[in-house]
């Protein structure tokens, strides 16, 4: 049984937990991270790595994402492993005339928050991406969006944290958080007990399963997303593309119903296309389904018709940590002194990992935060009706 201690213990070794460990270690704070499985074995290893601003709702969500993406370039230089970050922009493809006013209003709101977004008519969109269907109605484009290799990012944060003195425990899961007099006292893992002053729950979709002596309702649910990977082909998509369907739903549900399921298309440096994604509440089931994959393929062909006949070489599914309002849960938990939440990023974990790590490290170091954590407190869910 171990009696090793640390000032801070992090539960979860995905991009969120590893970023927090990296930023804490950079401040010379004694930190230890526990990951029960392998590196990038959860949500961080089952996604496309898009770092998008256009997909964020104007307001605090967009502000958080804009602050985060500014940090990727510096991290590319500082981290001890290449993360393949590129600012190659992204396009939101507008497929239906009914979506045009909705997307214009959305883009105008984003612009007021400082995001550079240009509105393209159908001809301009096809000039930028010639493979687009002639039936599209238009698009928006932002050069600030980009992408990163998610597994490399996860590994780079962990290696960077370890280089700066963090303890990294892969394959060792936390069974419970130990307390004394209502305060965090340590954790018990599959291999022993570890005293600490602060515990950070960065366990993603598993965050609600972390056992605590204080009853705590963490409103995070797994939301499955299935992704197709095609054979390598000549460049079709010079930037990440996203359909406007699910964005329209925030303003006009009727327009969203006409649009159907949203879809994203991105092409790797080697030419493979990553096409996703479903949004399904199926518990912790990470199986792909024929219906889901067919739906994705059908939607993608409507945007890029030349995908017809392209070979699919594999598929996979990941679980997004969904919250009812689409924002992550960040910050201290009043019910237990020393307990901090950093989970619930849904599909934005990769994009928000730099700023999340920085903000949680600032909180623990008692520094003025770059962005207030108040809008992300778990207390905002205290009046949610029971399901």
Protein backbone atom coordinates (compact mmCIF):
# COMPACT_ATOMS: atom_id res chain seq x y z
CA UNK A 1 0.00 0.00 0.00
CA UNK A 2 1.38 3.38 -1.02
CA UNK A 3 1.76 6.28 1.39
CA UNK A 4 3.06 8.72 -1.22
CA UNK A 5 1.39 12.11 -1.01
CA UNK A 6 0.89 15.17 -3.21
CA UNK A 7 -0.61 18.59 -2.72
CA UNK A 8 -2.99 18.09 -5.68
CA UNK A 9 -4.33 14.87 -7.17
CA UNK A 10 -6.01 14.84 -10.58
CA UNK A 11 -8.47 12.11 -11.52
CA UNK A 12 -8.39 11.50 -15.27
CA UNK A 13 -5.54 11.61 -17.76
CA UNK A 14 -7.29 12.87 -20.89
CA UNK A 15 -6.50 16.26 -22.42
CA UNK A 16 -8.27 18.14 -19.61
CA UNK A 17 -6.57 16.35 -16.73
CA UNK A 18 -3.19 16.31 -18.45
CA UNK A 19 -3.41 20.03 -19.27
CA UNK A 20 -4.18 20.81 -15.61
CA UNK A 21 -1.21 18.68 -14.52
CA UNK A 22 1.05 20.48 -16.99
CA UNK A 23 -0.03 23.95 -15.88
CA UNK A 24 0.22 23.06 -12.17
CA UNK A 25 3.68 21.52 -12.59
CA UNK A 26 4.78 24.67 -14.44
CA UNK A 27 3.88 26.60 -11.27
CA UNK A 28 5.98 24.17 -9.19
CA UNK A 29 2.89 22.83 -7.44
CA UNK A 30 3.20 19.23 -6.24
CA UNK A 31 0.73 17.32 -8.41
CA UNK A 32 -0.04 13.69 -9.17
CA UNK A 33 -2.33 12.45 -11.96
CA UNK A 34 -4.17 9.11 -12.07
CA UNK A 35 -5.53 7.56 -15.27
CA UNK A 36 -7.19 4.18 -14.86
CA UNK A 37 -6.66 3.06 -18.47
CA UNK A 38 -4.16 4.09 -21.15
CA UNK A 39 -3.21 7.50 -22.56
CA UNK A 40 -6.01 8.86 -24.80
CA UNK A 41 -8.12 5.77 -24.15
CA UNK A 42 -11.30 7.82 -23.63
CA UNK A 43 -12.86 10.82 -25.37
CA UNK A 44 -9.47 12.41 -26.13
CA UNK A 45 -8.54 9.54 -28.42
CA UNK A 46 -11.91 9.22 -30.15
CA UNK A 47 -12.39 12.56 -31.89
CA UNK A 48 -11.22 14.52 -34.93
CA UNK A 49 -9.12 17.19 -33.19
CA UNK A 50 -10.97 20.19 -34.61
CA UNK A 51 -10.31 23.44 -32.72
CA UNK A 52 -13.36 25.44 -33.70
CA UNK A 53 -14.66 28.85 -32.70
CA UNK A 54 -17.51 29.08 -35.20
CA UNK A 55 -19.37 26.26 -33.48
CA UNK A 56 -19.51 28.13 -30.15
CA UNK A 57 -22.54 30.08 -29.04
CA UNK A 58 -21.84 33.82 -28.70
CA UNK A 59 -21.15 34.70 -25.08
CA UNK A 60 -18.98 33.10 -22.42
CA UNK A 61 -18.59 29.85 -24.42
CA UNK A 62 -17.10 31.68 -27.39
CA UNK A 63 -14.95 33.87 -25.12
CA UNK A 64 -13.52 30.78 -23.45
CA UNK A 65 -12.76 29.16 -26.81
CA UNK A 66 -11.14 32.30 -28.21
CA UNK A 67 -8.88 32.54 -25.18
CA UNK A 68 -7.97 28.88 -25.55
CA UNK A 69 -7.09 28.86 -29.24
CA UNK A 70 -4.65 31.75 -28.71
CA UNK A 71 -2.60 29.47 -26.46
CA UNK A 72 -2.06 26.64 -28.96
CA UNK A 73 0.74 28.33 -30.89
CA UNK A 74 2.77 28.91 -27.73
CA UNK A 75 2.10 25.36 -26.54
CA UNK A 76 3.35 24.06 -29.89
CA UNK A 77 6.72 25.61 -29.05
CA UNK A 78 6.82 24.71 -25.35
CA UNK A 79 5.48 21.17 -25.19
CA UNK A 80 8.09 18.40 -25.56
CA UNK A 81 6.16 16.52 -28.25
CA UNK A 82 4.76 17.81 -31.57
CA UNK A 83 1.00 18.40 -31.45
CA UNK A 84 0.53 19.25 -35.16
CA UNK A 85 -1.51 22.40 -34.55
CA UNK A 86 -2.57 24.30 -37.67
CA UNK A 87 -4.56 27.51 -38.09
CA UNK A 88 -6.09 26.51 -41.43
CA UNK A 89 -9.57 27.90 -40.75
CA UNK A 90 -12.98 26.27 -40.92
CA UNK A 91 -16.16 26.58 -42.95
CA UNK A 92 -19.75 26.22 -41.82
CA UNK A 93 -21.67 25.03 -44.89
CA UNK A 94 -25.21 26.35 -45.27
CA UNK A 95 -27.25 23.82 -47.18
CA UNK A 96 -30.70 25.41 -47.21
CA UNK A 97 -32.06 28.85 -47.93
CA UNK A 98 -34.00 28.75 -44.65
CA UNK A 99 -30.68 28.64 -42.74
CA UNK A 100 -29.29 31.82 -44.33
CA UNK A 101 -30.94 34.39 -42.02
CA UNK A 102 -30.27 32.22 -38.99
CA UNK A 103 -26.57 31.89 -39.82
CA UNK A 104 -26.25 35.58 -40.69
CA UNK A 105 -27.60 36.48 -37.25
CA UNK A 106 -25.33 33.90 -35.61
CA UNK A 107 -22.23 35.18 -37.44
CA UNK A 108 -23.10 38.79 -36.62
CA UNK A 109 -23.35 37.94 -32.92
CA UNK A 110 -20.03 36.11 -33.03
CA UNK A 111 -18.42 39.12 -34.74
CA UNK A 112 -19.59 41.36 -31.90
CA UNK A 113 -17.64 39.11 -29.55
CA UNK A 114 -14.48 39.54 -31.60
CA UNK A 115 -14.52 36.49 -33.86
CA UNK A 116 -13.50 37.16 -37.45
CA UNK A 117 -16.21 35.54 -39.60
CA UNK A 118 -16.85 36.18 -43.29
CA UNK A 119 -20.14 35.32 -45.00
CA UNK A 120 -19.77 33.58 -48.38
CA UNK A 121 -22.40 33.14 -51.05
CA UNK A 122 -22.64 29.76 -52.80
CA UNK A 123 -20.23 30.76 -55.58
CA UNK A 124 -17.61 32.09 -53.14
CA UNK A 125 -17.87 28.97 -50.99
CA UNK A 126 -17.28 26.69 -53.99
CA UNK A 127 -14.34 28.83 -55.09
CA UNK A 128 -12.74 28.12 -51.71
CA UNK A 129 -13.74 24.43 -51.71
CA UNK A 130 -14.53 23.34 -55.31
CA UNK A 131 -15.75 19.91 -54.17
CA UNK A 132 -18.82 21.41 -52.49
CA UNK A 133 -22.23 20.55 -53.87
CA UNK A 134 -23.81 23.00 -56.31
CA UNK A 135 -26.94 22.85 -54.18
CA UNK A 136 -25.47 24.62 -51.13
CA UNK A 137 -26.85 28.04 -50.24
CA UNK A 138 -23.66 29.58 -48.86
CA UNK A 139 -21.17 29.32 -46.01
CA UNK A 140 -19.36 31.18 -43.27
CA UNK A 141 -15.59 31.06 -42.91
CA UNK A 142 -13.19 31.93 -40.10
CA UNK A 143 -9.43 31.84 -40.54
CA UNK A 144 -8.98 31.67 -36.74
CA UNK A 145 -10.20 28.08 -36.49
CA UNK A 146 -7.77 25.22 -36.70
CA UNK A 147 -7.01 21.64 -35.75
CA UNK A 148 -4.59 19.65 -33.65
CA UNK A 149 -3.66 15.98 -33.31
CA UNK A 150 -5.69 15.05 -30.19
CA UNK A 151 -3.66 12.02 -29.12
CA UNK A 152 -0.38 13.87 -29.58
CA UNK A 153 -1.78 16.79 -27.57
CA UNK A 154 -2.76 14.46 -24.72
CA UNK A 155 0.66 12.82 -24.71
CA UNK A 156 2.47 16.16 -24.98
CA UNK A 157 0.69 17.55 -21.91
CA UNK A 158 1.55 14.42 -19.92
CA UNK A 159 5.20 14.43 -20.99
CA UNK A 160 5.45 18.16 -20.27
CA UNK A 161 3.93 17.67 -16.82
CA UNK A 162 6.28 14.79 -16.06
CA UNK A 163 9.33 16.78 -17.17
CA UNK A 164 8.37 19.47 -14.67
CA UNK A 165 8.02 17.05 -11.78
CA UNK A 166 4.41 15.84 -11.88
CA UNK A 167 3.69 12.26 -10.87
CA UNK A 168 1.91 10.38 -13.67
CA UNK A 169 0.16 7.11 -12.77
CA UNK A 170 -1.19 5.35 -15.87
CA UNK A 171 -3.28 2.22 -15.32
CA UNK A 172 -4.19 3.13 -11.74
CA UNK A 173 -7.78 4.13 -11.13
CA UNK A 174 -9.15 6.19 -8.27
CA UNK A 175 -11.79 4.25 -6.32
CA UNK A 176 -12.91 7.04 -4.00
CA UNK A 177 -12.08 10.44 -2.55
CA UNK A 178 -11.21 10.32 1.15
CA UNK A 179 -12.33 13.12 3.48
CA UNK A 180 -11.87 14.34 7.04
CA UNK A 181 -14.31 16.77 8.63
CA UNK A 182 -15.83 17.63 5.26
CA UNK A 183 -12.46 18.35 3.66
CA UNK A 184 -10.52 16.43 1.04
CA UNK A 185 -7.88 14.26 2.70
CA UNK A 186 -6.71 12.08 -0.17
CA UNK A 187 -7.75 9.34 -2.56
CA UNK A 188 -7.83 5.59 -2.51
CA UNK A 189 -6.82 3.88 -5.74
CA UNK A 190 -6.61 0.33 -6.98
CA UNK A 191 -3.10 0.20 -5.53
CA UNK A 192 -3.19 2.22 -2.33
CA UNK A 193 -3.99 5.46 -0.53
CA UNK A 194 -2.54 8.88 -1.36
CA UNK A 195 -2.97 11.87 0.98
CA UNK A 196 -3.54 15.26 -0.65
CA UNK A 197 -5.10 18.66 0.02
CA UNK A 198 -6.96 19.10 -3.28
CA UNK A 199 -8.61 16.68 -5.71
CA UNK A 200 -9.53 17.68 -9.27
CA UNK A 201 -12.19 15.56 -10.94
CA UNK A 202 -11.23 15.63 -14.62
CA UNK A 203 -12.68 12.22 -15.42
CA UNK A 204 -14.85 13.34 -18.34
CA UNK A 205 -17.87 11.09 -18.90
CA UNK A 206 -16.85 9.10 -15.81
CA UNK A 207 -16.85 12.17 -13.55
CA UNK A 208 -20.24 11.29 -11.97
CA UNK A 209 -18.93 7.84 -11.01
CA UNK A 210 -16.16 9.11 -8.73
CA UNK A 211 -17.24 8.12 -5.22
CA UNK A 212 -17.41 10.79 -2.53
CA UNK A 213 -18.72 10.67 1.03
CA UNK A 214 -20.72 13.85 0.33
CA UNK A 215 -23.74 13.23 -1.94
CA UNK A 216 -23.03 15.16 -5.13
CA UNK A 217 -25.11 15.24 -8.29
CA UNK A 218 -22.82 15.83 -11.26
CA UNK A 219 -25.12 16.39 -14.30
CA UNK A 220 -22.82 14.90 -16.93
CA UNK A 221 -24.10 12.26 -19.36
CA UNK A 222 -22.22 10.37 -22.07
CA UNK A 223 -23.24 11.37 -25.60
CA UNK A 224 -21.98 9.05 -28.30
CA UNK A 225 -20.43 10.31 -31.51
CA UNK A 226 -19.60 7.95 -34.37
CA UNK A 227 -16.93 8.79 -36.96
CA UNK A 228 -16.00 7.33 -40.34
CA UNK A 229 -12.43 7.24 -41.68
CA UNK A 230 -11.97 6.94 -45.44
CA UNK A 231 -9.12 5.86 -47.65
CA UNK A 232 -6.57 8.56 -48.50
CA UNK A 233 -7.48 10.73 -51.49
CA UNK A 234 -6.24 13.90 -53.13
CA UNK A 235 -7.09 17.12 -51.25
CA UNK A 236 -10.84 17.75 -51.14
CA UNK A 237 -11.22 19.77 -47.96
CA UNK A 238 -8.61 22.45 -47.39
CA UNK A 239 -10.15 23.20 -44.01
CA UNK A 240 -12.50 21.59 -41.52
CA UNK A 241 -16.13 21.82 -42.64
CA UNK A 242 -19.22 21.73 -40.48
CA UNK A 243 -22.86 21.81 -41.55
CA UNK A 244 -25.07 24.58 -40.21
CA UNK A 245 -27.86 22.26 -39.09
CA UNK A 246 -27.20 21.98 -35.38
CA UNK A 247 -26.17 25.66 -35.09
CA UNK A 248 -29.55 26.63 -36.59
CA UNK A 249 -31.27 24.68 -33.84
CA UNK A 250 -30.16 27.27 -31.27
CA UNK A 251 -32.15 29.93 -33.12
CA UNK A 252 -34.76 28.17 -35.23
CA UNK A 253 -35.65 24.53 -34.43
CA UNK A 254 -37.88 24.31 -37.53
CA UNK A 255 -34.90 25.14 -39.76
CA UNK A 256 -32.86 22.51 -37.99
CA UNK A 257 -35.50 19.85 -38.62
CA UNK A 258 -35.42 20.65 -42.32
CA UNK A 259 -31.61 20.40 -42.32
CA UNK A 260 -31.33 17.01 -40.66
CA UNK A 261 -28.40 15.77 -38.60
CA UNK A 262 -25.27 17.90 -38.57
CA UNK A 263 -22.06 16.62 -40.07
CA UNK A 264 -18.35 17.49 -39.95
CA UNK A 265 -15.70 16.72 -42.56
CA UNK A 266 -11.96 17.05 -42.10
CA UNK A 267 -9.00 15.76 -44.08
CA UNK A 268 -5.74 14.63 -42.52
CA UNK A 269 -2.29 15.47 -43.86
CA UNK A 270 -2.13 11.97 -45.36
CA UNK A 271 -5.42 12.45 -47.21
CA UNK A 272 -7.81 10.40 -45.10
CA UNK A 273 -11.18 12.00 -44.42
CA UNK A 274 -12.68 11.97 -40.93
CA UNK A 275 -16.45 12.27 -41.20
CA UNK A 276 -18.75 12.58 -38.23
CA UNK A 277 -20.74 12.57 -36.16
CA UNK A 278 -23.82 11.23 -34.46
CA UNK A 279 -25.15 12.65 -31.17
CA UNK A 280 -26.73 9.82 -29.21
CA UNK A 281 -27.66 9.21 -25.59
CA UNK A 282 -26.98 5.47 -25.30
CA UNK A 283 -25.28 5.31 -21.93
CA UNK A 284 -21.66 4.19 -21.99
CA UNK A 285 -22.03 2.15 -25.19
CA UNK A 286 -19.08 2.93 -27.51
CA UNK A 287 -20.13 0.54 -30.27
CA UNK A 288 -20.61 1.88 -33.78
CA UNK A 289 -23.89 1.12 -35.53
CA UNK A 290 -24.72 0.53 -39.18
CA UNK A 291 -27.61 3.00 -39.03
CA UNK A 292 -25.41 5.70 -37.51
CA UNK A 293 -22.60 5.23 -40.01
CA UNK A 294 -24.98 5.19 -42.98
CA UNK A 295 -26.57 8.39 -41.72
CA UNK A 296 -23.18 10.10 -41.50
CA UNK A 297 -22.15 8.95 -44.98
CA UNK A 298 -25.45 10.10 -46.50
CA UNK A 299 -25.20 13.56 -44.94
CA UNK A 300 -21.56 13.96 -46.02
CA UNK A 301 -22.40 13.11 -49.64
CA UNK A 302 -24.98 15.88 -49.68
CA UNK A 303 -22.20 18.38 -48.97
CA UNK A 304 -19.44 16.79 -51.08
CA UNK A 305 -21.01 14.58 -53.80
CA UNK A 306 -17.62 13.21 -54.92
CA UNK A 307 -17.44 11.20 -51.69
CA UNK A 308 -19.77 8.71 -53.40
CA UNK A 309 -17.93 5.41 -53.78
CA UNK A 310 -15.05 6.35 -51.49
CA UNK A 311 -13.87 3.39 -49.40
CA UNK A 312 -14.36 3.51 -45.63
CA UNK A 313 -11.35 1.90 -43.95
CA UNK A 314 -12.54 2.05 -40.36
CA UNK A 315 -14.97 3.63 -37.94
CA UNK A 316 -14.97 4.41 -34.24
CA UNK A 317 -17.10 6.06 -31.60
CA UNK A 318 -16.35 8.25 -28.60
CA UNK A 319 -18.39 9.51 -25.67
CA UNK A 320 -18.76 13.24 -25.17
CA UNK A 321 -19.31 14.46 -21.57
CA UNK A 322 -22.59 16.33 -22.09
CA UNK A 323 -24.05 18.92 -19.68
CA UNK A 324 -27.59 20.36 -19.89
CA UNK A 325 -26.45 23.86 -20.91
CA UNK A 326 -23.49 22.88 -23.10
CA UNK A 327 -20.89 24.48 -20.83
CA UNK A 328 -18.21 22.64 -18.84
CA UNK A 329 -18.28 22.36 -15.05
CA UNK A 330 -15.22 24.16 -13.69
CA UNK A 331 -14.24 25.29 -10.23
CA UNK A 332 -14.54 24.52 -6.55
CA UNK A 333 -17.43 22.50 -5.14
CA UNK A 334 -18.94 24.13 -2.06
CA UNK A 335 -20.13 20.83 -0.59
CA UNK A 336 -16.57 19.58 -0.08
CA UNK A 337 -13.58 21.77 0.68
CA UNK A 338 -10.65 20.97 -1.58
CA UNK A 339 -12.76 19.33 -4.31
CA UNK A 340 -12.59 20.91 -7.79
CA UNK A 341 -14.50 19.99 -10.93
CA UNK A 342 -13.02 20.15 -14.45
CA UNK A 343 -15.29 18.10 -16.70
CA UNK A 344 -18.33 18.30 -18.96
CA UNK A 345 -16.72 19.85 -22.05
CA UNK A 346 -18.81 17.66 -24.40
CA UNK A 347 -17.19 17.93 -27.86
CA UNK A 348 -14.96 20.87 -26.90
CA UNK A 349 -12.42 19.16 -24.67
CA UNK A 350 -9.59 19.39 -27.20
CA UNK A 351 -10.30 23.02 -28.08
CA UNK A 352 -10.74 24.13 -24.45
CA UNK A 353 -7.95 22.08 -22.87
CA UNK A 354 -5.29 24.86 -22.83
CA UNK A 355 -7.49 27.47 -21.14
CA UNK A 356 -9.05 24.92 -18.78
CA UNK A 357 -5.64 23.80 -17.54
CA UNK A 358 -4.55 27.38 -17.05
CA UNK A 359 -7.70 28.46 -15.20
CA UNK A 360 -7.76 25.49 -12.81
CA UNK A 361 -4.06 25.96 -12.08
CA UNK A 362 -4.68 29.65 -11.35
CA UNK A 363 -7.54 28.71 -9.02
CA UNK A 364 -5.38 26.28 -7.06
CA UNK A 365 -2.48 28.76 -6.93
CA UNK A 366 -4.89 31.47 -5.62
CA UNK A 367 -4.09 33.73 -8.58
CA UNK A 368 -6.45 36.10 -10.37
CA UNK A 369 -8.08 34.01 -13.12
CA UNK A 370 -7.72 34.95 -16.78
CA UNK A 371 -11.49 34.35 -17.04
CA UNK A 372 -13.98 34.12 -14.19
CA UNK A 373 -15.07 30.58 -13.36
CA UNK A 374 -18.40 31.70 -11.92
CA UNK A 375 -20.47 30.89 -15.06
CA UNK A 376 -19.08 27.34 -14.99
CA UNK A 377 -19.79 26.51 -11.33
CA UNK A 378 -21.64 23.28 -10.62
CA UNK A 379 -23.98 25.35 -8.42
CA UNK A 380 -25.77 26.60 -11.56
CA UNK A 381 -27.49 23.20 -11.75
CA UNK A 382 -28.83 23.26 -8.18
CA UNK A 383 -32.38 24.02 -9.35
CA UNK A 384 -32.55 21.53 -12.20
CA UNK A 385 -35.76 19.45 -12.15
CA UNK A 386 -35.39 15.75 -11.49
CA UNK A 387 -35.49 13.59 -14.61
